[in-house]
Amino acid sequence: DTTGRRGVLTPALSFLYSHLPFQVKELVLNNCHSLDGEIDGLDPEYENLEILRMNNVGLLSLSSIPNYSNLRKLEVSYNNISGGLEVLEEKTPNLTHLNLSGNEIKDISTLEPLKNLPHLQSLQLFNCEVATLEAYRESVFTLLPQLTYLDGFDKEDDKEPASSDTEGGSTSTC
């Protein structure tokens, strides 16, 4: 079935259903509108998914993300996420890059569950209220010792190198 909950054929769903699940390595759902704060079409059968981009889709939480043990990069900027980050330990245990920019993250304690992501190297929190707190950078680097880059810079303010995302695989956009 390539229709959303309302029976409308969507490009993202059409793409997902036209590829074998193991072929999909990158999925771009930026600016797709969520229904009730969740994205229709995410399926745990996309077991080789390495990059998931769901920026500006109206997510309220990350609880509906399936278990993606191969996911390395998760971009969920400009949504309405204010917490619930503990689900990432179980659902995305190998995450190396997380972009939460423009969400409703207000204090450092909200980031505490990210301590349980041992591979997390890069975290982006641009335009989150937490980024305006005094000693923000020092506090986050202390809380998350595995982190190398925060908002694109390391502890010494050296810029994060540009990443080369997966080569090959499949991509979809709305």
N, C-alpha and C. Protein backbone atom coordinates (compact mmCIF):
# COMPACT_ATOMS: atom_id res chain seq x y z
N ASP A 1 0.86 -1.18 0.00
CA ASP A 1 0.00 0.00 0.00
C ASP A 1 0.90 1.23 0.00
N THR A 2 0.75 2.13 -0.94
CA THR A 2 1.57 3.35 -1.02
C THR A 2 0.75 4.58 -0.66
N THR A 3 -0.25 4.40 0.15
CA THR A 3 -1.05 5.54 0.57
C THR A 3 -0.81 5.81 2.04
N GLY A 4 -0.89 7.06 2.40
CA GLY A 4 -0.78 7.44 3.80
C GLY A 4 -2.06 7.12 4.52
N ARG A 5 -2.16 7.52 5.77
CA ARG A 5 -3.35 7.23 6.56
C ARG A 5 -4.60 7.83 5.96
N ARG A 6 -4.44 8.86 5.19
CA ARG A 6 -5.61 9.50 4.60
C ARG A 6 -5.86 9.02 3.17
N GLY A 7 -5.15 7.98 2.72
CA GLY A 7 -5.36 7.42 1.41
C GLY A 7 -4.74 8.21 0.28
N VAL A 8 -3.77 9.07 0.59
CA VAL A 8 -3.13 9.89 -0.42
C VAL A 8 -1.76 9.30 -0.75
N LEU A 9 -1.47 9.10 -2.02
CA LEU A 9 -0.17 8.61 -2.44
C LEU A 9 0.86 9.69 -2.17
N THR A 10 1.89 9.36 -1.41
CA THR A 10 2.93 10.33 -1.12
C THR A 10 4.22 9.88 -1.79
N PRO A 11 5.05 10.83 -2.24
CA PRO A 11 6.30 10.45 -2.88
C PRO A 11 7.20 9.61 -1.98
N ALA A 12 7.28 9.96 -0.70
CA ALA A 12 8.14 9.20 0.21
C ALA A 12 7.65 7.77 0.35
N LEU A 13 6.35 7.60 0.54
CA LEU A 13 5.82 6.25 0.67
C LEU A 13 5.96 5.48 -0.62
N SER A 14 5.73 6.13 -1.73
CA SER A 14 5.89 5.48 -3.02
C SER A 14 7.32 4.98 -3.19
N PHE A 15 8.29 5.82 -2.83
CA PHE A 15 9.69 5.44 -2.91
C PHE A 15 9.97 4.24 -2.01
N LEU A 16 9.54 4.32 -0.77
CA LEU A 16 9.82 3.27 0.19
C LEU A 16 9.30 1.92 -0.28
N TYR A 17 8.11 1.92 -0.83
CA TYR A 17 7.51 0.66 -1.24
C TYR A 17 8.05 0.16 -2.58
N SER A 18 8.81 0.97 -3.30
CA SER A 18 9.35 0.54 -4.59
C SER A 18 10.77 0.00 -4.46
N HIS A 19 11.36 0.01 -3.28
CA HIS A 19 12.71 -0.49 -3.05
C HIS A 19 12.67 -1.60 -2.02
N LEU A 20 13.57 -2.55 -2.17
CA LEU A 20 13.70 -3.58 -1.14
C LEU A 20 14.28 -2.93 0.11
N PRO A 21 13.77 -3.31 1.26
CA PRO A 21 14.20 -2.64 2.49
C PRO A 21 15.72 -2.61 2.70
N PHE A 22 16.42 -3.70 2.37
CA PHE A 22 17.85 -3.72 2.62
C PHE A 22 18.63 -2.78 1.70
N GLN A 23 18.00 -2.27 0.64
CA GLN A 23 18.68 -1.36 -0.28
C GLN A 23 18.73 0.09 0.23
N VAL A 24 17.88 0.43 1.14
CA VAL A 24 17.77 1.81 1.59
C VAL A 24 18.82 2.09 2.67
N LYS A 25 19.76 3.00 2.34
CA LYS A 25 20.80 3.40 3.29
C LYS A 25 20.58 4.81 3.81
N GLU A 26 19.94 5.64 3.02
CA GLU A 26 19.68 7.02 3.41
C GLU A 26 18.24 7.36 3.08
N LEU A 27 17.57 7.98 4.03
CA LEU A 27 16.19 8.36 3.84
C LEU A 27 16.04 9.82 4.24
N VAL A 28 15.59 10.65 3.28
CA VAL A 28 15.42 12.08 3.52
C VAL A 28 13.93 12.39 3.46
N LEU A 29 13.40 12.76 4.61
CA LEU A 29 11.97 13.09 4.72
C LEU A 29 11.80 14.53 5.18
N ASN A 30 12.76 15.38 4.89
CA ASN A 30 12.69 16.79 5.28
C ASN A 30 11.42 17.44 4.75
N ASN A 31 10.81 18.24 5.60
CA ASN A 31 9.62 19.03 5.26
C ASN A 31 8.38 18.19 4.93
N CYS A 32 8.43 16.89 5.15
CA CYS A 32 7.21 16.08 5.03
C CYS A 32 6.37 16.39 6.27
N HIS A 33 5.10 16.44 6.11
CA HIS A 33 4.25 16.76 7.26
C HIS A 33 3.91 15.49 8.01
N SER A 34 4.07 15.55 9.33
CA SER A 34 3.75 14.40 10.16
C SER A 34 2.27 14.41 10.51
N LEU A 35 1.78 13.24 10.80
CA LEU A 35 0.40 13.09 11.28
C LEU A 35 0.47 12.81 12.76
N ASP A 36 -0.09 13.66 13.56
CA ASP A 36 -0.08 13.50 15.02
C ASP A 36 1.34 13.41 15.58
N GLY A 37 2.29 14.13 14.97
CA GLY A 37 3.64 14.15 15.47
C GLY A 37 4.47 12.93 15.11
N GLU A 38 3.98 12.08 14.20
CA GLU A 38 4.71 10.89 13.78
C GLU A 38 4.79 10.85 12.26
N ILE A 39 5.82 10.17 11.76
CA ILE A 39 6.00 10.03 10.31
C ILE A 39 5.49 8.67 9.88
N ASP A 40 4.60 8.67 8.91
CA ASP A 40 4.06 7.43 8.35
C ASP A 40 5.08 6.86 7.37
N GLY A 41 5.30 5.56 7.42
CA GLY A 41 6.17 4.92 6.44
C GLY A 41 7.51 4.45 6.99
N LEU A 42 7.90 4.90 8.19
CA LEU A 42 9.13 4.39 8.77
C LEU A 42 8.89 2.95 9.18
N ASP A 43 9.79 2.08 8.78
CA ASP A 43 9.59 0.65 8.98
C ASP A 43 10.87 0.02 9.50
N PRO A 44 10.80 -0.86 10.49
CA PRO A 44 12.01 -1.50 11.01
C PRO A 44 12.71 -2.40 10.00
N GLU A 45 12.04 -2.73 8.91
CA GLU A 45 12.66 -3.59 7.89
C GLU A 45 13.78 -2.87 7.13
N TYR A 46 13.89 -1.56 7.28
CA TYR A 46 14.99 -0.83 6.63
C TYR A 46 16.23 -0.95 7.51
N GLU A 47 16.66 -2.18 7.68
CA GLU A 47 17.71 -2.52 8.64
C GLU A 47 19.08 -1.96 8.30
N ASN A 48 19.33 -1.60 7.06
CA ASN A 48 20.63 -1.05 6.66
C ASN A 48 20.64 0.47 6.61
N LEU A 49 19.58 1.08 7.09
CA LEU A 49 19.49 2.54 7.09
C LEU A 49 20.63 3.12 7.94
N GLU A 50 21.41 4.01 7.33
CA GLU A 50 22.54 4.64 8.02
C GLU A 50 22.30 6.12 8.29
N ILE A 51 21.50 6.75 7.45
CA ILE A 51 21.24 8.18 7.59
C ILE A 51 19.74 8.42 7.48
N LEU A 52 19.19 9.12 8.46
CA LEU A 52 17.77 9.46 8.46
C LEU A 52 17.65 10.95 8.72
N ARG A 53 17.02 11.64 7.77
CA ARG A 53 16.82 13.08 7.90
C ARG A 53 15.32 13.37 7.94
N MET A 54 14.88 13.91 9.05
CA MET A 54 13.47 14.28 9.23
C MET A 54 13.42 15.68 9.83
N ASN A 55 13.99 16.63 9.12
CA ASN A 55 14.02 18.01 9.57
C ASN A 55 12.71 18.72 9.22
N ASN A 56 12.22 19.51 10.16
CA ASN A 56 11.03 20.32 9.94
C ASN A 56 9.81 19.51 9.50
N VAL A 57 9.53 18.46 10.26
CA VAL A 57 8.36 17.64 9.93
C VAL A 57 7.28 17.67 11.00
N GLY A 58 7.53 18.36 12.11
CA GLY A 58 6.52 18.45 13.17
C GLY A 58 6.58 17.34 14.19
N LEU A 59 7.72 16.66 14.30
CA LEU A 59 7.86 15.60 15.31
C LEU A 59 7.73 16.18 16.71
N LEU A 60 7.02 15.45 17.56
CA LEU A 60 6.89 15.84 18.96
C LEU A 60 7.85 15.05 19.83
N SER A 61 8.25 13.86 19.36
CA SER A 61 9.18 13.02 20.10
C SER A 61 9.87 12.07 19.12
N LEU A 62 10.80 11.30 19.64
CA LEU A 62 11.51 10.31 18.84
C LEU A 62 11.01 8.90 19.11
N SER A 63 9.96 8.77 19.88
CA SER A 63 9.48 7.45 20.30
C SER A 63 8.99 6.58 19.16
N SER A 64 8.59 7.18 18.05
CA SER A 64 8.06 6.37 16.94
C SER A 64 9.13 5.89 15.97
N ILE A 65 10.38 6.27 16.19
CA ILE A 65 11.45 5.79 15.32
C ILE A 65 11.67 4.31 15.60
N PRO A 66 11.67 3.49 14.56
CA PRO A 66 11.92 2.06 14.77
C PRO A 66 13.36 1.79 15.21
N ASN A 67 13.63 0.58 15.58
CA ASN A 67 14.99 0.18 15.92
C ASN A 67 15.82 0.15 14.65
N TYR A 68 16.81 1.01 14.58
CA TYR A 68 17.73 1.08 13.45
C TYR A 68 19.15 0.95 13.99
N SER A 69 19.63 -0.26 14.18
CA SER A 69 20.93 -0.48 14.80
C SER A 69 22.09 -0.01 13.93
N ASN A 70 21.88 0.14 12.62
CA ASN A 70 22.95 0.62 11.74
C ASN A 70 22.92 2.13 11.53
N LEU A 71 21.95 2.81 12.11
CA LEU A 71 21.83 4.25 11.91
C LEU A 71 23.03 4.96 12.55
N ARG A 72 23.71 5.77 11.73
CA ARG A 72 24.85 6.55 12.20
C ARG A 72 24.51 8.02 12.35
N LYS A 73 23.63 8.51 11.49
CA LYS A 73 23.35 9.94 11.47
C LYS A 73 21.84 10.15 11.52
N LEU A 74 21.40 10.93 12.50
CA LEU A 74 19.99 11.27 12.66
C LEU A 74 19.86 12.78 12.71
N GLU A 75 19.12 13.32 11.76
CA GLU A 75 18.85 14.75 11.72
C GLU A 75 17.36 14.97 11.94
N VAL A 76 17.04 15.62 13.03
CA VAL A 76 15.64 15.92 13.37
C VAL A 76 15.53 17.38 13.81
N SER A 77 16.18 18.26 13.06
CA SER A 77 16.17 19.67 13.43
C SER A 77 14.83 20.33 13.10
N TYR A 78 14.55 21.38 13.82
CA TYR A 78 13.35 22.20 13.63
C TYR A 78 12.07 21.39 13.69
N ASN A 79 11.96 20.64 14.79
CA ASN A 79 10.73 19.94 15.14
C ASN A 79 10.30 20.50 16.49
N ASN A 80 9.53 19.75 17.23
CA ASN A 80 9.04 20.20 18.54
C ASN A 80 9.45 19.22 19.64
N ILE A 81 10.65 18.69 19.52
CA ILE A 81 11.15 17.70 20.47
C ILE A 81 11.67 18.43 21.71
N SER A 82 11.19 18.01 22.88
CA SER A 82 11.62 18.65 24.12
C SER A 82 12.29 17.69 25.08
N GLY A 83 12.34 16.42 24.75
CA GLY A 83 12.94 15.43 25.63
C GLY A 83 12.74 14.05 25.05
N GLY A 84 12.77 13.05 25.93
CA GLY A 84 12.55 11.67 25.48
C GLY A 84 13.72 11.08 24.73
N LEU A 85 14.92 11.61 24.95
CA LEU A 85 16.08 11.16 24.21
C LEU A 85 16.57 9.77 24.64
N GLU A 86 16.03 9.26 25.73
CA GLU A 86 16.45 7.93 26.21
C GLU A 86 16.11 6.83 25.21
N VAL A 87 15.14 7.05 24.34
CA VAL A 87 14.79 6.02 23.35
C VAL A 87 15.92 5.77 22.35
N LEU A 88 16.81 6.72 22.19
CA LEU A 88 17.90 6.58 21.22
C LEU A 88 18.87 5.46 21.59
N GLU A 89 19.08 5.22 22.88
CA GLU A 89 20.00 4.16 23.30
C GLU A 89 19.55 2.80 22.77
N GLU A 90 18.27 2.52 22.87
CA GLU A 90 17.74 1.24 22.41
C GLU A 90 17.55 1.21 20.89
N LYS A 91 17.06 2.29 20.34
CA LYS A 91 16.67 2.29 18.93
C LYS A 91 17.79 2.61 17.95
N THR A 92 18.77 3.39 18.39
CA THR A 92 19.88 3.79 17.50
C THR A 92 21.20 3.70 18.26
N PRO A 93 21.60 2.52 18.71
CA PRO A 93 22.76 2.39 19.58
C PRO A 93 24.10 2.76 18.95
N ASN A 94 24.18 2.82 17.63
CA ASN A 94 25.44 3.11 16.95
C ASN A 94 25.50 4.52 16.38
N LEU A 95 24.63 5.38 16.85
CA LEU A 95 24.55 6.75 16.37
C LEU A 95 25.87 7.49 16.62
N THR A 96 26.37 8.16 15.57
CA THR A 96 27.59 8.96 15.70
C THR A 96 27.31 10.46 15.57
N HIS A 97 26.24 10.81 14.84
CA HIS A 97 25.90 12.22 14.60
C HIS A 97 24.41 12.45 14.90
N LEU A 98 24.12 13.47 15.70
CA LEU A 98 22.74 13.79 16.05
C LEU A 98 22.54 15.29 15.92
N ASN A 99 21.55 15.68 15.12
CA ASN A 99 21.23 17.09 14.95
C ASN A 99 19.85 17.35 15.53
N LEU A 100 19.83 18.06 16.65
CA LEU A 100 18.59 18.44 17.34
C LEU A 100 18.35 19.95 17.26
N SER A 101 19.04 20.63 16.37
CA SER A 101 18.92 22.09 16.27
C SER A 101 17.48 22.53 16.11
N GLY A 102 17.16 23.67 16.71
CA GLY A 102 15.84 24.26 16.54
C GLY A 102 14.71 23.51 17.22
N ASN A 103 15.02 22.66 18.19
CA ASN A 103 13.99 21.97 18.95
C ASN A 103 13.79 22.64 20.30
N GLU A 104 12.96 22.08 21.13
CA GLU A 104 12.59 22.67 22.41
C GLU A 104 13.45 22.14 23.56
N ILE A 105 14.74 21.94 23.31
CA ILE A 105 15.66 21.47 24.34
C ILE A 105 16.05 22.68 25.18
N LYS A 106 15.68 22.65 26.48
CA LYS A 106 15.84 23.83 27.31
C LYS A 106 16.95 23.74 28.34
N ASP A 107 17.28 22.52 28.79
CA ASP A 107 18.33 22.45 29.80
C ASP A 107 19.26 21.25 29.57
N ILE A 108 20.41 21.32 30.18
CA ILE A 108 21.46 20.32 30.00
C ILE A 108 20.98 18.94 30.43
N SER A 109 20.19 18.86 31.49
CA SER A 109 19.75 17.54 31.98
C SER A 109 18.95 16.76 30.94
N THR A 110 18.32 17.44 30.02
CA THR A 110 17.58 16.78 28.95
C THR A 110 18.52 15.94 28.08
N LEU A 111 19.77 16.32 28.02
CA LEU A 111 20.76 15.63 27.19
C LEU A 111 21.40 14.43 27.89
N GLU A 112 21.12 14.25 29.16
CA GLU A 112 21.75 13.18 29.94
C GLU A 112 21.63 11.79 29.31
N PRO A 113 20.49 11.40 28.73
CA PRO A 113 20.40 10.07 28.12
C PRO A 113 21.41 9.84 26.99
N LEU A 114 21.96 10.89 26.43
CA LEU A 114 22.92 10.74 25.34
C LEU A 114 24.25 10.18 25.84
N LYS A 115 24.45 10.15 27.17
CA LYS A 115 25.65 9.52 27.74
C LYS A 115 25.70 8.04 27.37
N ASN A 116 24.53 7.47 27.11
CA ASN A 116 24.44 6.03 26.82
C ASN A 116 24.63 5.71 25.35
N LEU A 117 25.06 6.69 24.56
CA LEU A 117 25.39 6.47 23.15
C LEU A 117 26.91 6.58 23.02
N PRO A 118 27.63 5.47 23.20
CA PRO A 118 29.09 5.52 23.27
C PRO A 118 29.77 5.97 21.98
N HIS A 119 29.10 5.86 20.85
CA HIS A 119 29.70 6.22 19.56
C HIS A 119 29.39 7.66 19.14
N LEU A 120 28.57 8.36 19.92
CA LEU A 120 28.17 9.71 19.55
C LEU A 120 29.39 10.64 19.54
N GLN A 121 29.67 11.21 18.35
CA GLN A 121 30.82 12.08 18.17
C GLN A 121 30.41 13.53 17.94
N SER A 122 29.25 13.73 17.33
CA SER A 122 28.85 15.07 16.92
C SER A 122 27.40 15.34 17.32
N LEU A 123 27.18 16.47 17.98
CA LEU A 123 25.85 16.87 18.42
C LEU A 123 25.64 18.33 18.01
N GLN A 124 24.48 18.60 17.42
CA GLN A 124 24.15 19.97 17.05
C GLN A 124 22.89 20.41 17.78
N LEU A 125 23.00 21.55 18.43
CA LEU A 125 21.90 22.11 19.22
C LEU A 125 21.69 23.59 18.89
N PHE A 126 22.06 24.01 17.68
CA PHE A 126 21.84 25.40 17.28
C PHE A 126 20.38 25.77 17.48
N ASN A 127 20.13 26.98 17.88
CA ASN A 127 18.77 27.51 18.02
C ASN A 127 17.90 26.72 18.99
N CYS A 128 18.52 26.07 19.95
CA CYS A 128 17.79 25.47 21.08
C CYS A 128 18.06 26.37 22.28
N GLU A 129 17.11 26.48 23.15
CA GLU A 129 17.27 27.34 24.33
C GLU A 129 18.48 26.93 25.16
N VAL A 130 18.78 25.64 25.21
CA VAL A 130 19.90 25.16 26.00
C VAL A 130 21.21 25.80 25.55
N ALA A 131 21.33 26.13 24.28
CA ALA A 131 22.57 26.70 23.75
C ALA A 131 22.82 28.13 24.24
N THR A 132 21.84 28.73 24.88
CA THR A 132 22.01 30.09 25.40
C THR A 132 22.44 30.10 26.87
N LEU A 133 22.50 28.93 27.49
CA LEU A 133 22.86 28.86 28.91
C LEU A 133 24.33 29.20 29.11
N GLU A 134 24.63 29.77 30.26
CA GLU A 134 26.01 30.08 30.61
C GLU A 134 26.79 28.77 30.72
N ALA A 135 28.01 28.75 30.23
CA ALA A 135 28.90 27.58 30.25
C ALA A 135 28.29 26.39 29.51
N TYR A 136 27.47 26.67 28.53
CA TYR A 136 26.79 25.61 27.74
C TYR A 136 27.78 24.60 27.16
N ARG A 137 28.76 25.08 26.42
CA ARG A 137 29.69 24.17 25.74
C ARG A 137 30.46 23.31 26.75
N GLU A 138 30.98 23.92 27.78
CA GLU A 138 31.73 23.18 28.79
C GLU A 138 30.85 22.15 29.48
N SER A 139 29.61 22.52 29.77
CA SER A 139 28.68 21.60 30.43
C SER A 139 28.35 20.40 29.56
N VAL A 140 28.13 20.62 28.28
CA VAL A 140 27.80 19.52 27.38
C VAL A 140 29.00 18.60 27.19
N PHE A 141 30.19 19.17 26.99
CA PHE A 141 31.39 18.33 26.83
C PHE A 141 31.69 17.54 28.10
N THR A 142 31.39 18.10 29.27
CA THR A 142 31.59 17.38 30.53
C THR A 142 30.57 16.25 30.67
N LEU A 143 29.32 16.54 30.34
CA LEU A 143 28.26 15.54 30.43
C LEU A 143 28.47 14.40 29.44
N LEU A 144 28.96 14.72 28.25
CA LEU A 144 29.11 13.73 27.18
C LEU A 144 30.58 13.63 26.78
N PRO A 145 31.38 12.91 27.56
CA PRO A 145 32.82 12.85 27.29
C PRO A 145 33.18 12.18 25.96
N GLN A 146 32.28 11.38 25.41
CA GLN A 146 32.54 10.72 24.13
C GLN A 146 32.40 11.70 22.95
N LEU A 147 31.81 12.84 23.20
CA LEU A 147 31.54 13.82 22.15
C LEU A 147 32.83 14.51 21.70
N THR A 148 33.00 14.62 20.39
CA THR A 148 34.15 15.33 19.82
C THR A 148 33.73 16.71 19.36
N TYR A 149 32.53 16.83 18.77
CA TYR A 149 32.08 18.09 18.19
C TYR A 149 30.71 18.48 18.75
N LEU A 150 30.60 19.76 19.08
CA LEU A 150 29.33 20.34 19.51
C LEU A 150 29.08 21.56 18.63
N ASP A 151 27.96 21.54 17.95
CA ASP A 151 27.60 22.64 17.05
C ASP A 151 28.70 22.92 16.02
N GLY A 152 29.33 21.84 15.56
CA GLY A 152 30.30 21.95 14.48
C GLY A 152 31.72 22.28 14.88
N PHE A 153 32.00 22.36 16.21
CA PHE A 153 33.34 22.70 16.67
C PHE A 153 33.74 21.81 17.84
N ASP A 154 35.03 21.48 17.94
CA ASP A 154 35.50 20.69 19.07
C ASP A 154 35.77 21.58 20.27
N LYS A 155 36.34 21.01 21.33
CA LYS A 155 36.59 21.76 22.57
C LYS A 155 37.55 22.93 22.36
N GLU A 156 38.43 22.80 21.39
CA GLU A 156 39.40 23.86 21.11
C GLU A 156 38.90 24.82 20.03
N ASP A 157 37.63 24.73 19.67
CA ASP A 157 37.01 25.57 18.64
C ASP A 157 37.54 25.31 17.23
N ASP A 158 38.04 24.08 17.00
CA ASP A 158 38.41 23.69 15.64
C ASP A 158 37.17 23.15 14.96
N LYS A 159 37.01 23.53 13.71
CA LYS A 159 35.81 23.17 12.95
C LYS A 159 35.77 21.68 12.61
N GLU A 160 34.58 21.13 12.69
CA GLU A 160 34.36 19.74 12.33
C GLU A 160 34.54 19.57 10.82
N PRO A 161 35.28 18.55 10.40
CA PRO A 161 35.44 18.32 8.96
C PRO A 161 34.10 17.95 8.31
N ALA A 162 33.96 18.32 7.07
CA ALA A 162 32.74 17.96 6.34
C ALA A 162 32.67 16.44 6.23
N SER A 163 31.49 15.90 6.45
CA SER A 163 31.35 14.44 6.38
C SER A 163 30.93 14.02 4.99
N SER A 164 31.41 12.85 4.61
CA SER A 164 30.95 12.28 3.35
C SER A 164 29.93 11.22 3.73
N ASP A 165 28.69 11.47 3.42
CA ASP A 165 27.62 10.53 3.75
C ASP A 165 27.74 9.28 2.92
N THR A 166 26.86 8.34 3.13
CA THR A 166 26.93 7.07 2.45
C THR A 166 26.98 7.25 0.95
N GLU A 167 27.77 6.41 0.33
CA GLU A 167 27.80 6.39 -1.12
C GLU A 167 26.91 5.26 -1.57
N GLY A 168 26.18 5.47 -2.63
CA GLY A 168 25.26 4.45 -3.10
C GLY A 168 24.03 4.43 -2.21
N GLY A 169 23.32 3.31 -2.21
CA GLY A 169 22.11 3.23 -1.42
C GLY A 169 21.01 4.05 -2.04
N SER A 170 19.94 4.17 -1.34
CA SER A 170 18.77 4.85 -1.89
C SER A 170 18.40 6.03 -1.02
N THR A 171 17.82 7.01 -1.66
CA THR A 171 17.40 8.22 -0.98
C THR A 171 15.99 8.59 -1.44
N SER A 172 15.23 9.19 -0.57
CA SER A 172 13.91 9.67 -0.95
C SER A 172 13.68 11.02 -0.33
N THR A 173 12.92 11.83 -0.99
CA THR A 173 12.49 13.11 -0.43
C THR A 173 11.01 13.27 -0.66
N CYS A 174 10.40 14.10 0.14
CA CYS A 174 8.97 14.40 -0.06
C CYS A 174 8.83 15.44 -1.12
